[in-house]
Amino acid sequence: MQQDFKNNKIKFYNEKLLNDTIKGVPEVHEFWRLLSICHTVMPERKNGNSQIEYQSQSPDDVALVTAARNSGFVFKARTPNSVTIESILDYPLLGKGRIIKVDCM
């Protein structure tokens, strides 16, 4: 995985989940997409740094969003009306660099 989005502070490894993510199992991709969308995290870029740092009152939300980012589903932005994520890795069902914007109701 690319080091520019991976957070090395969080150590998690599950071989089946990793293999299913790489294979493009639809339910696994939906799991990562939901983790990268449904949360209270705000992304921040400090001092012109290209790396996104996640901030939230909930450390659990930060951990889940970081796990999604480490799996290639990067939470990029939140507005009052939308959430934007990006697929970083070249997954069979998503492709690489696909930006997904979810409108909030």
PDB file of N, CA and C in Angstrom:
ATOM      1  N   MET A   1       0.834  -1.184   0.000  1.00  0.00           N
ATOM      2  CA  MET A   1       0.000   0.000   0.000  1.00  0.00           C
ATOM      3  C   MET A   1       0.875   1.242   0.000  1.00  0.00           C
ATOM      4  N   GLN A   2       0.315   2.331  -0.472  1.00  0.00           N
ATOM      5  CA  GLN A   2       1.065   3.569  -0.535  1.00  0.00           C
ATOM      6  C   GLN A   2       1.254   4.141   0.862  1.00  0.00           C
ATOM      7  N   GLN A   3       2.441   4.634   1.144  1.00  0.00           N
ATOM      8  CA  GLN A   3       2.744   5.155   2.469  1.00  0.00           C
ATOM      9  C   GLN A   3       2.130   6.530   2.709  1.00  0.00           C
ATOM     10  N   ASP A   4       1.696   7.250   1.668  1.00  0.00           N
ATOM     11  CA  ASP A   4       1.181   8.593   1.876  1.00  0.00           C
ATOM     12  C   ASP A   4      -0.185   8.612   2.549  1.00  0.00           C
ATOM     13  N   PHE A   5      -0.895   7.510   2.576  1.00  0.00           N
ATOM     14  CA  PHE A   5      -2.180   7.502   3.253  1.00  0.00           C
ATOM     15  C   PHE A   5      -2.233   6.503   4.400  1.00  0.00           C
ATOM     16  N   LYS A   6      -1.270   5.631   4.495  1.00  0.00           N
ATOM     17  CA  LYS A   6      -1.282   4.594   5.528  1.00  0.00           C
ATOM     18  C   LYS A   6      -0.834   5.165   6.869  1.00  0.00           C
ATOM     19  N   ASN A   7      -1.530   4.776   7.927  1.00  0.00           N
ATOM     20  CA  ASN A   7      -1.163   5.193   9.271  1.00  0.00           C
ATOM     21  C   ASN A   7      -0.494   4.018   9.959  1.00  0.00           C
ATOM     22  N   ASN A   8       0.791   4.131  10.214  1.00  0.00           N
ATOM     23  CA  ASN A   8       1.545   3.026  10.806  1.00  0.00           C
ATOM     24  C   ASN A   8       1.369   2.909  12.318  1.00  0.00           C
ATOM     25  N   LYS A   9       0.633   3.840  12.936  1.00  0.00           N
ATOM     26  CA  LYS A   9       0.402   3.779  14.371  1.00  0.00           C
ATOM     27  C   LYS A   9      -0.593   2.682  14.725  1.00  0.00           C
ATOM     28  N   ILE A  10      -1.468   2.350  13.798  1.00  0.00           N
ATOM     29  CA  ILE A  10      -2.499   1.359  14.061  1.00  0.00           C
ATOM     30  C   ILE A  10      -2.079   0.041  13.440  1.00  0.00           C
ATOM     31  N   LYS A  11      -1.962  -0.981  14.271  1.00  0.00           N
ATOM     32  CA  LYS A  11      -1.545  -2.301  13.806  1.00  0.00           C
ATOM     33  C   LYS A  11      -2.754  -3.238  13.823  1.00  0.00           C
ATOM     34  N   PHE A  12      -3.138  -3.689  12.648  1.00  0.00           N
ATOM     35  CA  PHE A  12      -4.243  -4.632  12.526  1.00  0.00           C
ATOM     36  C   PHE A  12      -3.965  -5.495  11.309  1.00  0.00           C
ATOM     37  N   TYR A  13      -4.126  -6.789  11.467  1.00  0.00           N
ATOM     38  CA  TYR A  13      -3.901  -7.657  10.324  1.00  0.00           C
ATOM     39  C   TYR A  13      -4.839  -8.844  10.408  1.00  0.00           C
ATOM     40  N   ASN A  14      -5.587  -9.040   9.353  1.00  0.00           N
ATOM     41  CA  ASN A  14      -6.460 -10.194   9.225  1.00  0.00           C
ATOM     42  C   ASN A  14      -6.312 -10.673   7.789  1.00  0.00           C
ATOM     43  N   GLU A  15      -5.699 -11.826   7.610  1.00  0.00           N
ATOM     44  CA  GLU A  15      -5.360 -12.311   6.270  1.00  0.00           C
ATOM     45  C   GLU A  15      -6.596 -12.482   5.383  1.00  0.00           C
ATOM     46  N   LYS A  16      -7.673 -13.034   5.918  1.00  0.00           N
ATOM     47  CA  LYS A  16      -8.883 -13.236   5.122  1.00  0.00           C
ATOM     48  C   LYS A  16      -9.472 -11.895   4.681  1.00  0.00           C
ATOM     49  N   LEU A  17      -9.548 -10.942   5.600  1.00  0.00           N
ATOM     50  CA  LEU A  17     -10.082  -9.626   5.258  1.00  0.00           C
ATOM     51  C   LEU A  17      -9.211  -8.945   4.201  1.00  0.00           C
ATOM     52  N   LEU A  18      -7.908  -9.040   4.358  1.00  0.00           N
ATOM     53  CA  LEU A  18      -6.985  -8.460   3.381  1.00  0.00           C
ATOM     54  C   LEU A  18      -7.164  -9.115   2.013  1.00  0.00           C
ATOM     55  N   ASN A  19      -7.212 -10.439   1.971  1.00  0.00           N
ATOM     56  CA  ASN A  19      -7.388 -11.143   0.693  1.00  0.00           C
ATOM     57  C   ASN A  19      -8.725 -10.811   0.043  1.00  0.00           C
ATOM     58  N   ASP A  20      -9.794 -10.750   0.841  1.00  0.00           N
ATOM     59  CA  ASP A  20     -11.105 -10.414   0.295  1.00  0.00           C
ATOM     60  C   ASP A  20     -11.154  -8.969  -0.214  1.00  0.00           C
ATOM     61  N   THR A  21     -10.426  -8.084   0.457  1.00  0.00           N
ATOM     62  CA  THR A  21     -10.347  -6.695   0.004  1.00  0.00           C
ATOM     63  C   THR A  21      -9.643  -6.622  -1.343  1.00  0.00           C
ATOM     64  N   ILE A  22      -8.518  -7.299  -1.464  1.00  0.00           N
ATOM     65  CA  ILE A  22      -7.746  -7.297  -2.715  1.00  0.00           C
ATOM     66  C   ILE A  22      -8.530  -7.952  -3.850  1.00  0.00           C
ATOM     67  N   LYS A  23      -9.249  -9.041  -3.550  1.00  0.00           N
ATOM     68  CA  LYS A  23     -10.039  -9.736  -4.571  1.00  0.00           C
ATOM     69  C   LYS A  23     -11.236  -8.920  -5.035  1.00  0.00           C
ATOM     70  N   GLY A  24     -11.643  -7.958  -4.232  1.00  0.00           N
ATOM     71  CA  GLY A  24     -12.787  -7.138  -4.611  1.00  0.00           C
ATOM     72  C   GLY A  24     -14.127  -7.738  -4.226  1.00  0.00           C
ATOM     73  N   VAL A  25     -14.158  -8.490  -3.141  1.00  0.00           N
ATOM     74  CA  VAL A  25     -15.420  -9.059  -2.664  1.00  0.00           C
ATOM     75  C   VAL A  25     -16.372  -7.896  -2.365  1.00  0.00           C
ATOM     76  N   PRO A  26     -17.532  -7.849  -3.044  1.00  0.00           N
ATOM     77  CA  PRO A  26     -18.431  -6.688  -2.914  1.00  0.00           C
ATOM     78  C   PRO A  26     -18.833  -6.361  -1.475  1.00  0.00           C
ATOM     79  N   GLU A  27     -19.111  -7.366  -0.666  1.00  0.00           N
ATOM     80  CA  GLU A  27     -19.523  -7.103   0.720  1.00  0.00           C
ATOM     81  C   GLU A  27     -18.392  -6.485   1.538  1.00  0.00           C
ATOM     82  N   VAL A  28     -17.166  -6.871   1.242  1.00  0.00           N
ATOM     83  CA  VAL A  28     -16.019  -6.317   1.961  1.00  0.00           C
ATOM     84  C   VAL A  28     -15.798  -4.861   1.543  1.00  0.00           C
ATOM     85  N   HIS A  29     -15.931  -4.574   0.259  1.00  0.00           N
ATOM     86  CA  HIS A  29     -15.793  -3.186  -0.194  1.00  0.00           C
ATOM     87  C   HIS A  29     -16.893  -2.309   0.378  1.00  0.00           C
ATOM     88  N   GLU A  30     -18.101  -2.849   0.469  1.00  0.00           N
ATOM     89  CA  GLU A  30     -19.200  -2.095   1.077  1.00  0.00           C
ATOM     90  C   GLU A  30     -18.885  -1.815   2.548  1.00  0.00           C
ATOM     91  N   PHE A  31     -18.327  -2.790   3.239  1.00  0.00           N
ATOM     92  CA  PHE A  31     -17.914  -2.613   4.636  1.00  0.00           C
ATOM     93  C   PHE A  31     -16.931  -1.442   4.760  1.00  0.00           C
ATOM     94  N   TRP A  32     -15.876  -1.429   3.924  1.00  0.00           N
ATOM     95  CA  TRP A  32     -14.885  -0.342   3.991  1.00  0.00           C
ATOM     96  C   TRP A  32     -15.496   1.002   3.605  1.00  0.00           C
ATOM     97  N   ARG A  33     -16.347   1.002   2.587  1.00  0.00           N
ATOM     98  CA  ARG A  33     -17.007   2.263   2.189  1.00  0.00           C
ATOM     99  C   ARG A  33     -17.834   2.809   3.345  1.00  0.00           C
ATOM    100  N   LEU A  34     -18.608   1.954   3.989  1.00  0.00           N
ATOM    101  CA  LEU A  34     -19.440   2.417   5.103  1.00  0.00           C
ATOM    102  C   LEU A  34     -18.599   2.931   6.259  1.00  0.00           C
ATOM    103  N   LEU A  35     -17.494   2.251   6.558  1.00  0.00           N
ATOM    104  CA  LEU A  35     -16.611   2.746   7.617  1.00  0.00           C
ATOM    105  C   LEU A  35     -16.027   4.104   7.265  1.00  0.00           C
ATOM    106  N   SER A  36     -15.763   4.340   5.995  1.00  0.00           N
ATOM    107  CA  SER A  36     -15.159   5.611   5.598  1.00  0.00           C
ATOM    108  C   SER A  36     -16.193   6.736   5.458  1.00  0.00           C
ATOM    109  N   ILE A  37     -17.478   6.407   5.537  1.00  0.00           N
ATOM    110  CA  ILE A  37     -18.528   7.414   5.369  1.00  0.00           C
ATOM    111  C   ILE A  37     -19.283   7.705   6.672  1.00  0.00           C
ATOM    112  N   CYS A  38     -19.603   6.685   7.451  1.00  0.00           N
ATOM    113  CA  CYS A  38     -20.501   6.810   8.609  1.00  0.00           C
ATOM    114  C   CYS A  38     -19.718   7.005   9.902  1.00  0.00           C
ATOM    115  N   HIS A  39     -19.449   8.273  10.255  1.00  0.00           N
ATOM    116  CA  HIS A  39     -18.648   8.567  11.441  1.00  0.00           C
ATOM    117  C   HIS A  39     -18.731  10.043  11.783  1.00  0.00           C
ATOM    118  N   THR A  40     -18.043  10.439  12.855  1.00  0.00           N
ATOM    119  CA  THR A  40     -18.029  11.843  13.298  1.00  0.00           C
ATOM    120  C   THR A  40     -16.653  12.492  13.109  1.00  0.00           C
ATOM    121  N   VAL A  41     -15.819  11.905  12.293  1.00  0.00           N
ATOM    122  CA  VAL A  41     -14.437  12.365  12.102  1.00  0.00           C
ATOM    123  C   VAL A  41     -14.382  13.576  11.169  1.00  0.00           C
ATOM    124  N   MET A  42     -13.420  14.457  11.442  1.00  0.00           N
ATOM    125  CA  MET A  42     -13.124  15.584  10.556  1.00  0.00           C
ATOM    126  C   MET A  42     -11.675  15.441  10.079  1.00  0.00           C
ATOM    127  N   PRO A  43     -11.446  15.565   8.754  1.00  0.00           N
ATOM    128  CA  PRO A  43     -10.070  15.488   8.249  1.00  0.00           C
ATOM    129  C   PRO A  43      -9.369  16.836   8.363  1.00  0.00           C
ATOM    130  N   GLU A  44      -8.090  16.814   8.698  1.00  0.00           N
ATOM    131  CA  GLU A  44      -7.294  18.042   8.791  1.00  0.00           C
ATOM    132  C   GLU A  44      -5.958  17.839   8.098  1.00  0.00           C
ATOM    133  N   ARG A  45      -5.494  18.895   7.470  1.00  0.00           N
ATOM    134  CA  ARG A  45      -4.141  18.923   6.907  1.00  0.00           C
ATOM    135  C   ARG A  45      -3.396  20.020   7.640  1.00  0.00           C
ATOM    136  N   LYS A  46      -2.316  19.656   8.321  1.00  0.00           N
ATOM    137  CA  LYS A  46      -1.582  20.619   9.138  1.00  0.00           C
ATOM    138  C   LYS A  46      -0.301  21.054   8.452  1.00  0.00           C
ATOM    139  N   ASN A  47      -0.026  22.353   8.516  1.00  0.00           N
ATOM    140  CA  ASN A  47       1.220  22.941   8.010  1.00  0.00           C
ATOM    141  C   ASN A  47       1.506  22.571   6.566  1.00  0.00           C
ATOM    142  N   GLY A  48       0.494  22.560   5.723  1.00  0.00           N
ATOM    143  CA  GLY A  48       0.701  22.249   4.313  1.00  0.00           C
ATOM    144  C   GLY A  48       1.050  20.800   4.049  1.00  0.00           C
ATOM    145  N   ASN A  49       0.955  19.967   5.056  1.00  0.00           N
ATOM    146  CA  ASN A  49       1.257  18.547   4.921  1.00  0.00           C
ATOM    147  C   ASN A  49       0.208  17.887   4.035  1.00  0.00           C
ATOM    148  N   SER A  50       0.635  17.030   3.127  1.00  0.00           N
ATOM    149  CA  SER A  50      -0.321  16.354   2.251  1.00  0.00           C
ATOM    150  C   SER A  50      -1.041  15.221   2.966  1.00  0.00           C
ATOM    151  N   GLN A  51      -0.494  14.750   4.080  1.00  0.00           N
ATOM    152  CA  GLN A  51      -1.123  13.655   4.832  1.00  0.00           C
ATOM    153  C   GLN A  51      -2.309  14.188   5.627  1.00  0.00           C
ATOM    154  N   ILE A  52      -3.397  13.460   5.552  1.00  0.00           N
ATOM    155  CA  ILE A  52      -4.605  13.822   6.283  1.00  0.00           C
ATOM    156  C   ILE A  52      -4.500  13.267   7.696  1.00  0.00           C
ATOM    157  N   GLU A  53      -4.817  14.119   8.673  1.00  0.00           N
ATOM    158  CA  GLU A  53      -4.909  13.679  10.065  1.00  0.00           C
ATOM    159  C   GLU A  53      -6.374  13.734  10.456  1.00  0.00           C
ATOM    160  N   TYR A  54      -6.859  12.666  11.073  1.00  0.00           N
ATOM    161  CA  TYR A  54      -8.254  12.604  11.468  1.00  0.00           C
ATOM    162  C   TYR A  54      -8.422  13.044  12.912  1.00  0.00           C
ATOM    163  N   GLN A  55      -9.456  13.860  13.148  1.00  0.00           N
ATOM    164  CA  GLN A  55      -9.772  14.361  14.473  1.00  0.00           C
ATOM    165  C   GLN A  55     -11.220  14.029  14.807  1.00  0.00           C
ATOM    166  N   SER A  56     -11.460  13.606  16.046  1.00  0.00           N
ATOM    167  CA  SER A  56     -12.819  13.320  16.496  1.00  0.00           C
ATOM    168  C   SER A  56     -12.819  13.206  18.009  1.00  0.00           C
ATOM    169  N   GLN A  57     -13.967  13.452  18.616  1.00  0.00           N
ATOM    170  CA  GLN A  57     -14.090  13.219  20.042  1.00  0.00           C
ATOM    171  C   GLN A  57     -14.119  11.728  20.335  1.00  0.00           C
ATOM    172  N   SER A  58     -14.407  10.929  19.321  1.00  0.00           N
ATOM    173  CA  SER A  58     -14.469   9.482  19.487  1.00  0.00           C
ATOM    174  C   SER A  58     -13.211   8.815  18.941  1.00  0.00           C
ATOM    175  N   PRO A  59     -12.357   8.282  19.808  1.00  0.00           N
ATOM    176  CA  PRO A  59     -11.169   7.578  19.312  1.00  0.00           C
ATOM    177  C   PRO A  59     -11.549   6.328  18.507  1.00  0.00           C
ATOM    178  N   ASP A  60     -12.713   5.744  18.805  1.00  0.00           N
ATOM    179  CA  ASP A  60     -13.172   4.583  18.036  1.00  0.00           C
ATOM    180  C   ASP A  60     -13.436   4.971  16.591  1.00  0.00           C
ATOM    181  N   ASP A  61     -14.085   6.123  16.376  1.00  0.00           N
ATOM    182  CA  ASP A  61     -14.346   6.579  15.006  1.00  0.00           C
ATOM    183  C   ASP A  61     -13.043   6.804  14.255  1.00  0.00           C
ATOM    184  N   VAL A  62     -12.060   7.426  14.917  1.00  0.00           N
ATOM    185  CA  VAL A  62     -10.760   7.661  14.271  1.00  0.00           C
ATOM    186  C   VAL A  62     -10.120   6.328  13.895  1.00  0.00           C
ATOM    187  N   ALA A  63     -10.175   5.351  14.778  1.00  0.00           N
ATOM    188  CA  ALA A  63      -9.575   4.040  14.498  1.00  0.00           C
ATOM    189  C   ALA A  63     -10.264   3.357  13.322  1.00  0.00           C
ATOM    190  N   LEU A  64     -11.592   3.424  13.258  1.00  0.00           N
ATOM    191  CA  LEU A  64     -12.320   2.775  12.164  1.00  0.00           C
ATOM    192  C   LEU A  64     -12.071   3.466  10.827  1.00  0.00           C
ATOM    193  N   VAL A  65     -12.061   4.789  10.825  1.00  0.00           N
ATOM    194  CA  VAL A  65     -11.796   5.532   9.580  1.00  0.00           C
ATOM    195  C   VAL A  65     -10.356   5.305   9.126  1.00  0.00           C
ATOM    196  N   THR A  66      -9.432   5.211  10.079  1.00  0.00           N
ATOM    197  CA  THR A  66      -8.035   4.932   9.739  1.00  0.00           C
ATOM    198  C   THR A  66      -7.891   3.523   9.169  1.00  0.00           C
ATOM    199  N   ALA A  67      -8.610   2.557   9.720  1.00  0.00           N
ATOM    200  CA  ALA A  67      -8.576   1.191   9.175  1.00  0.00           C
ATOM    201  C   ALA A  67      -9.098   1.184   7.738  1.00  0.00           C
ATOM    202  N   ALA A  68     -10.164   1.928   7.475  1.00  0.00           N
ATOM    203  CA  ALA A  68     -10.682   2.024   6.105  1.00  0.00           C
ATOM    204  C   ALA A  68      -9.641   2.674   5.194  1.00  0.00           C
ATOM    205  N   ARG A  69      -8.982   3.730   5.681  1.00  0.00           N
ATOM    206  CA  ARG A  69      -7.941   4.398   4.889  1.00  0.00           C
ATOM    207  C   ARG A  69      -6.791   3.430   4.605  1.00  0.00           C
ATOM    208  N   ASN A  70      -6.384   2.660   5.598  1.00  0.00           N
ATOM    209  CA  ASN A  70      -5.300   1.696   5.400  1.00  0.00           C
ATOM    210  C   ASN A  70      -5.676   0.609   4.404  1.00  0.00           C
ATOM    211  N   SER A  71      -6.972   0.420   4.193  1.00  0.00           N
ATOM    212  CA  SER A  71      -7.448  -0.561   3.213  1.00  0.00           C
ATOM    213  C   SER A  71      -7.778   0.079   1.869  1.00  0.00           C
ATOM    214  N   GLY A  72      -7.485   1.368   1.736  1.00  0.00           N
ATOM    215  CA  GLY A  72      -7.621   2.028   0.446  1.00  0.00           C
ATOM    216  C   GLY A  72      -8.857   2.875   0.253  1.00  0.00           C
ATOM    217  N   PHE A  73      -9.677   3.033   1.273  1.00  0.00           N
ATOM    218  CA  PHE A  73     -10.877   3.867   1.189  1.00  0.00           C
ATOM    219  C   PHE A  73     -10.654   5.095   2.060  1.00  0.00           C
ATOM    220  N   VAL A  74     -10.215   6.186   1.436  1.00  0.00           N
ATOM    221  CA  VAL A  74      -9.742   7.355   2.171  1.00  0.00           C
ATOM    222  C   VAL A  74     -10.844   8.402   2.295  1.00  0.00           C
ATOM    223  N   PHE A  75     -11.182   8.725   3.540  1.00  0.00           N
ATOM    224  CA  PHE A  75     -12.107   9.818   3.832  1.00  0.00           C
ATOM    225  C   PHE A  75     -11.362  11.117   3.592  1.00  0.00           C
ATOM    226  N   LYS A  76     -11.854  11.931   2.648  1.00  0.00           N
ATOM    227  CA  LYS A  76     -11.139  13.130   2.236  1.00  0.00           C
ATOM    228  C   LYS A  76     -11.754  14.424   2.773  1.00  0.00           C
ATOM    229  N   ALA A  77     -13.087  14.509   2.778  1.00  0.00           N
ATOM    230  CA  ALA A  77     -13.713  15.791   3.126  1.00  0.00           C
ATOM    231  C   ALA A  77     -15.136  15.593   3.608  1.00  0.00           C
ATOM    232  N   ARG A  78     -15.578  16.559   4.396  1.00  0.00           N
ATOM    233  CA  ARG A  78     -16.963  16.590   4.860  1.00  0.00           C
ATOM    234  C   ARG A  78     -17.461  18.034   4.754  1.00  0.00           C
ATOM    235  N   THR A  79     -18.645  18.189   4.217  1.00  0.00           N
ATOM    236  CA  THR A  79     -19.340  19.470   4.222  1.00  0.00           C
ATOM    237  C   THR A  79     -20.682  19.219   4.909  1.00  0.00           C
ATOM    238  N   PRO A  80     -21.452  20.263   5.169  1.00  0.00           N
ATOM    239  CA  PRO A  80     -22.772  20.020   5.758  1.00  0.00           C
ATOM    240  C   PRO A  80     -23.671  19.160   4.862  1.00  0.00           C
ATOM    241  N   ASN A  81     -23.356  19.110   3.562  1.00  0.00           N
ATOM    242  CA  ASN A  81     -24.223  18.400   2.623  1.00  0.00           C
ATOM    243  C   ASN A  81     -23.638  17.134   2.014  1.00  0.00           C
ATOM    244  N   SER A  82     -22.351  16.853   2.258  1.00  0.00           N
ATOM    245  CA  SER A  82     -21.761  15.681   1.601  1.00  0.00           C
ATOM    246  C   SER A  82     -20.530  15.161   2.341  1.00  0.00           C
ATOM    247  N   VAL A  83     -20.181  13.925   2.001  1.00  0.00           N
ATOM    248  CA  VAL A  83     -18.950  13.282   2.466  1.00  0.00           C
ATOM    249  C   VAL A  83     -18.236  12.785   1.216  1.00  0.00           C
ATOM    250  N   THR A  84     -16.920  12.999   1.135  1.00  0.00           N
ATOM    251  CA  THR A  84     -16.144  12.575  -0.022  1.00  0.00           C
ATOM    252  C   THR A  84     -15.091  11.563   0.413  1.00  0.00           C
ATOM    253  N   ILE A  85     -15.065  10.412  -0.286  1.00  0.00           N
ATOM    254  CA  ILE A  85     -14.022   9.414  -0.064  1.00  0.00           C
ATOM    255  C   ILE A  85     -13.351   9.124  -1.409  1.00  0.00           C
ATOM    256  N   GLU A  86     -12.149   8.565  -1.342  1.00  0.00           N
ATOM    257  CA  GLU A  86     -11.419   8.214  -2.556  1.00  0.00           C
ATOM    258  C   GLU A  86     -10.897   6.792  -2.441  1.00  0.00           C
ATOM    259  N   SER A  87     -11.037   6.051  -3.526  1.00  0.00           N
ATOM    260  CA  SER A  87     -10.473   4.707  -3.616  1.00  0.00           C
ATOM    261  C   SER A  87      -9.029   4.852  -4.074  1.00  0.00           C
ATOM    262  N   ILE A  88      -8.079   4.529  -3.210  1.00  0.00           N
ATOM    263  CA  ILE A  88      -6.662   4.733  -3.503  1.00  0.00           C
ATOM    264  C   ILE A  88      -6.056   3.573  -4.279  1.00  0.00           C
ATOM    265  N   LEU A  89      -6.437   2.359  -3.939  1.00  0.00           N
ATOM    266  CA  LEU A  89      -5.854   1.191  -4.595  1.00  0.00           C
ATOM    267  C   LEU A  89      -6.674   0.799  -5.813  1.00  0.00           C
ATOM    268  N   ASP A  90      -6.108   0.021  -6.676  1.00  0.00           N
ATOM    269  CA  ASP A  90      -6.782  -0.396  -7.897  1.00  0.00           C
ATOM    270  C   ASP A  90      -7.595  -1.666  -7.629  1.00  0.00           C
ATOM    271  N   TYR A  91      -8.795  -1.489  -7.112  1.00  0.00           N
ATOM    272  CA  TYR A  91      -9.664  -2.615  -6.821  1.00  0.00           C
ATOM    273  C   TYR A  91     -10.476  -2.991  -8.044  1.00  0.00           C
ATOM    274  N   PRO A  92     -10.750  -4.274  -8.251  1.00  0.00           N
ATOM    275  CA  PRO A  92     -11.480  -4.715  -9.442  1.00  0.00           C
ATOM    276  C   PRO A  92     -12.834  -4.029  -9.630  1.00  0.00           C
ATOM    277  N   LEU A  93     -13.571  -3.806  -8.573  1.00  0.00           N
ATOM    278  CA  LEU A  93     -14.905  -3.229  -8.720  1.00  0.00           C
ATOM    279  C   LEU A  93     -14.930  -1.713  -8.687  1.00  0.00           C
ATOM    280  N   LEU A  94     -13.883  -1.089  -8.157  1.00  0.00           N
ATOM    281  CA  LEU A  94     -13.887   0.359  -8.006  1.00  0.00           C
ATOM    282  C   LEU A  94     -12.949   1.076  -8.956  1.00  0.00           C
ATOM    283  N   GLY A  95     -11.820   0.456  -9.257  1.00  0.00           N
ATOM    284  CA  GLY A  95     -10.796   1.166 -10.009  1.00  0.00           C
ATOM    285  C   GLY A  95      -9.970   2.020  -9.062  1.00  0.00           C
ATOM    286  N   LYS A  96      -8.919   2.609  -9.586  1.00  0.00           N
ATOM    287  CA  LYS A  96      -8.023   3.416  -8.765  1.00  0.00           C
ATOM    288  C   LYS A  96      -8.367   4.890  -8.900  1.00  0.00           C
ATOM    289  N   GLY A  97      -8.324   5.585  -7.788  1.00  0.00           N
ATOM    290  CA  GLY A  97      -8.516   7.024  -7.804  1.00  0.00           C
ATOM    291  C   GLY A  97      -9.959   7.458  -7.969  1.00  0.00           C
ATOM    292  N   ARG A  98     -10.888   6.550  -7.804  1.00  0.00           N
ATOM    293  CA  ARG A  98     -12.298   6.920  -7.938  1.00  0.00           C
ATOM    294  C   ARG A  98     -12.739   7.725  -6.728  1.00  0.00           C
ATOM    295  N   ILE A  99     -13.333   8.883  -6.983  1.00  0.00           N
ATOM    296  CA  ILE A  99     -13.830   9.726  -5.916  1.00  0.00           C
ATOM    297  C   ILE A  99     -15.326   9.480  -5.795  1.00  0.00           C
ATOM    298  N   ILE A 100     -15.760   9.219  -4.573  1.00  0.00           N
ATOM    299  CA  ILE A 100     -17.169   8.957  -4.311  1.00  0.00           C
ATOM    300  C   ILE A 100     -17.683  10.073  -3.411  1.00  0.00           C
ATOM    301  N   LYS A 101     -18.671  10.798  -3.892  1.00  0.00           N
ATOM    302  CA  LYS A 101     -19.262  11.866  -3.110  1.00  0.00           C
ATOM    303  C   LYS A 101     -20.665  11.426  -2.711  1.00  0.00           C
ATOM    304  N   VAL A 102     -20.923  11.403  -1.407  1.00  0.00           N
ATOM    305  CA  VAL A 102     -22.207  10.969  -0.885  1.00  0.00           C
ATOM    306  C   VAL A 102     -22.944  12.187  -0.367  1.00  0.00           C
ATOM    307  N   ASP A 103     -24.110  12.468  -0.936  1.00  0.00           N
ATOM    308  CA  ASP A 103     -24.915  13.594  -0.468  1.00  0.00           C
ATOM    309  C   ASP A 103     -25.622  13.220   0.819  1.00  0.00           C
ATOM    310  N   CYS A 104     -25.603  14.133   1.777  1.00  0.00           N
ATOM    311  CA  CYS A 104     -26.253  13.910   3.064  1.00  0.00           C
ATOM    312  C   CYS A 104     -27.658  14.481   3.029  1.00  0.00           C
ATOM    313  N   MET A 105     -28.533  13.804   3.688  1.00  0.00           N
ATOM    314  CA  MET A 105     -29.920  14.270   3.743  1.00  0.00           C
ATOM    315  C   MET A 105     -30.176  14.987   5.036  1.00  0.00           C
TER     316      MET A 105
END
